[in-house]
């Protein structure tokens, strides 16, 4: 987890499965870890990895960054930090704008109450 501007960004790291995994039969399925049981297919290692950054200001299922043959995990780290910083700043700006709207509504409400009195 990375914290920036009082916002928390959990980071998940996983290996991407390859195609062609054999379908797991029911008895064999129950002997596998939970993440394999849910999948229903045998995991095929690929040595390709994915970082998923979640938190405020990121897409619905998190920002996904993947390795390629020319780009390793260490090459993703600057992009991770940029994503966290930009998302945190955008989230903070949204919160401040929302706070301004709430203050304006409260001011309108106060004026309406005074007018009604």
Protein backbone atom coordinates (compact mmCIF):
# COMPACT_ATOMS: atom_id res chain seq x y z
CA UNK A 1 0.00 0.00 0.00
CA UNK A 2 1.21 3.48 -0.89
CA UNK A 3 -0.13 6.61 0.84
CA UNK A 4 -0.11 9.97 -0.93
CA UNK A 5 -1.92 13.16 0.13
CA UNK A 6 -3.76 11.25 2.90
CA UNK A 7 -5.15 8.73 0.41
CA UNK A 8 -4.33 5.03 0.40
CA UNK A 9 -3.56 3.06 -2.75
CA UNK A 10 -3.39 -0.73 -2.35
CA UNK A 11 -1.25 -2.45 -4.96
CA UNK A 12 -1.83 -6.04 -6.06
CA UNK A 13 0.84 -8.03 -7.86
CA UNK A 14 0.01 -11.17 -9.83
CA UNK A 15 1.23 -13.36 -12.63
CA UNK A 16 -0.93 -13.49 -15.75
CA UNK A 17 -2.03 -16.98 -16.70
CA UNK A 18 -1.45 -18.28 -20.19
CA UNK A 19 -3.98 -19.93 -22.45
CA UNK A 20 -4.40 -23.67 -22.75
CA UNK A 21 -4.84 -24.72 -19.13
CA UNK A 22 -6.61 -28.04 -18.63
CA UNK A 23 -10.08 -27.91 -17.06
CA UNK A 24 -9.98 -29.05 -13.44
CA UNK A 25 -12.26 -31.93 -12.49
CA UNK A 26 -14.27 -31.62 -9.28
CA UNK A 27 -12.10 -33.90 -7.04
CA UNK A 28 -8.86 -32.28 -8.28
CA UNK A 29 -10.41 -28.85 -8.04
CA UNK A 30 -10.87 -29.07 -4.27
CA UNK A 31 -7.19 -29.86 -3.71
CA UNK A 32 -6.13 -26.59 -5.37
CA UNK A 33 -5.81 -23.16 -3.74
CA UNK A 34 -8.93 -20.96 -3.66
CA UNK A 35 -7.84 -18.71 -6.52
CA UNK A 36 -7.46 -21.79 -8.78
CA UNK A 37 -10.78 -23.28 -7.63
CA UNK A 38 -12.62 -20.12 -8.68
CA UNK A 39 -10.94 -20.17 -12.07
CA UNK A 40 -11.72 -23.83 -12.82
CA UNK A 41 -8.69 -24.24 -15.09
CA UNK A 42 -5.11 -25.21 -14.46
CA UNK A 43 -2.78 -22.23 -14.09
CA UNK A 44 -0.28 -21.87 -16.95
CA UNK A 45 2.75 -19.75 -15.93
CA UNK A 46 3.85 -17.10 -18.43
CA UNK A 47 6.41 -14.97 -16.53
CA UNK A 48 4.25 -11.93 -17.40
CA UNK A 49 3.15 -9.87 -14.43
CA UNK A 50 0.51 -7.29 -13.66
CA UNK A 51 0.42 -4.54 -11.04
CA UNK A 52 -3.03 -3.28 -10.15
CA UNK A 53 -3.25 0.06 -8.35
CA UNK A 54 -6.56 0.71 -6.64
CA UNK A 55 -7.80 3.72 -4.73
CA UNK A 56 -9.46 7.10 -5.21
CA UNK A 57 -9.07 8.55 -8.68
CA UNK A 58 -8.29 5.22 -10.34
CA UNK A 59 -10.55 3.32 -12.78
CA UNK A 60 -13.26 0.96 -11.47
CA UNK A 61 -11.10 -2.15 -11.09
CA UNK A 62 -7.87 -0.25 -10.62
CA UNK A 63 -5.13 0.97 -12.91
CA UNK A 64 -3.47 -2.05 -14.54
CA UNK A 65 0.20 -1.99 -15.51
CA UNK A 66 1.66 -5.04 -17.24
CA UNK A 67 5.15 -6.21 -17.98
CA UNK A 68 6.25 -7.04 -21.51
CA UNK A 69 9.35 -8.65 -22.93
CA UNK A 70 11.06 -5.27 -23.11
CA UNK A 71 9.60 -3.77 -19.94
CA UNK A 72 10.17 -5.41 -16.58
CA UNK A 73 8.78 -4.75 -13.11
CA UNK A 74 11.52 -2.23 -12.30
CA UNK A 75 10.47 -0.25 -15.41
CA UNK A 76 6.89 -0.04 -14.09
CA UNK A 77 7.83 1.60 -10.78
CA UNK A 78 8.08 5.20 -12.09
CA UNK A 79 4.69 4.76 -13.74
CA UNK A 80 3.27 3.44 -10.45
CA UNK A 81 4.47 6.52 -8.59
CA UNK A 82 3.12 8.88 -11.26
CA UNK A 83 -0.26 7.09 -11.24
CA UNK A 84 -0.50 7.32 -7.44
CA UNK A 85 0.50 10.99 -7.34
CA UNK A 86 -1.84 12.07 -10.17
CA UNK A 87 -4.76 10.05 -8.78
CA UNK A 88 -4.23 11.45 -5.28
CA UNK A 89 -4.13 15.04 -6.54
CA UNK A 90 -7.25 14.57 -8.69
CA UNK A 91 -9.06 12.98 -5.75
CA UNK A 92 -8.06 15.85 -3.48
CA UNK A 93 -9.27 18.41 -6.06
CA UNK A 94 -12.61 16.57 -6.38
CA UNK A 95 -13.01 16.53 -2.60
CA UNK A 96 -12.25 20.26 -2.38
CA UNK A 97 -14.73 21.05 -5.16
CA UNK A 98 -17.38 18.93 -3.46
CA UNK A 99 -16.69 20.74 -0.18
CA UNK A 100 -17.15 24.11 -1.93
CA UNK A 101 -20.49 22.95 -3.34
CA UNK A 102 -21.62 21.85 0.12
CA UNK A 103 -20.59 25.21 1.60
CA UNK A 104 -22.54 27.05 -1.12
CA UNK A 105 -25.64 24.90 -0.45
CA UNK A 106 -25.33 25.55 3.27
CA UNK A 107 -25.07 29.29 2.62
CA UNK A 108 -28.20 29.16 0.42
CA UNK A 109 -29.99 27.21 3.12
CA UNK A 110 -29.03 29.74 5.78
CA UNK A 111 -30.31 32.61 3.59
CA UNK A 112 -33.58 30.74 2.97
CA UNK A 113 -34.04 30.11 6.71
CA UNK A 114 -33.39 33.77 7.51
CA UNK A 115 -35.82 34.84 4.80
CA UNK A 116 -38.46 32.44 6.15
CA UNK A 117 -38.08 33.85 9.69
